[in-house]
Amino acid sequence: MGDNFGSLYLVATPIGNLEDITLRARRILTEVPIIACEDTRHTGLLLSRLEIDRAGRRLIAYHDLNEQKQAPILIGLLLQGQDCALVSDAGTPGISDPGYRVVKAARDAGIPVVPIPGPCAAVAALSVSGLPTDRFSFMGFVAPKSAKRLRQFQVLEPDRGTYVFYVPARNLVQVLDELSQVQPNCSVFIARELTKMFEEFISGTPAECKATLGDRVVKGEVTLLINPK
């Protein structure tokens, strides 16, 4: 490992409540000269709210659409000895967010990769769900099309513990209908708008959760936990 290489810090940021930023995360964001972020405007606002001066700090856009192009650029800066923080818009980088390509490239090059742990919607939802947490599978975002989701849900196995999905709010009711078809007796836990003003938790079978939602339009960020029976 080169002694003069910079370090790549994967910095978790709040998923809603600014008070969830850690002291260590704030210090790293204050010290590094480069911050790679999904949306420079979003991260710029976060720095402002944390009272971190942007002067002399370079924000580089790093997201799904440019990850393959930007990863080598970041590696080049790290090889030159510049430290870099990687952040997503919310939560832990690399967890259903861009990050793994530059992490792999950094490790392959012998560059130190340092986790700065903190908020993660999947773990936060699990911790308050009351569903089994000794074994769980993080599945990322549900498939975009209904037919694929039905196949996805049909193969969920009881002995695999709890499954964790991210669901676009606009699809939540349809997802519950699909679960009712293939896993009607499963235990479901919905965590919506975690750590935010309108945080909400709903639990029950898919049909019971749909009944609780009623006819309202579901908004916000949704984490869906499923424990098959």
Foldseek 3Di string as FASTA:
>chain_A
DDPQFAEEEFAAAAPADRVQHDPVSLVVVQPFQEEEEQDPVLVVVNCVVVVRDCVSHYYHHDFDVCPVPCLVVVRVNRRNRGYYYYYYSHGTDPQLTDDPVSVVVCVVVVHHYHYHHTDDVQVVCVVPVPFDDVAEAEDEAADPDLVRNLVVLQPDDQVRGKYKHKYAQQCLLVSLVSCCVRQQQKKKWKWFPPPHPPTDIDIDGSVRRNVVVPPDRGDGIIMMMIRGD
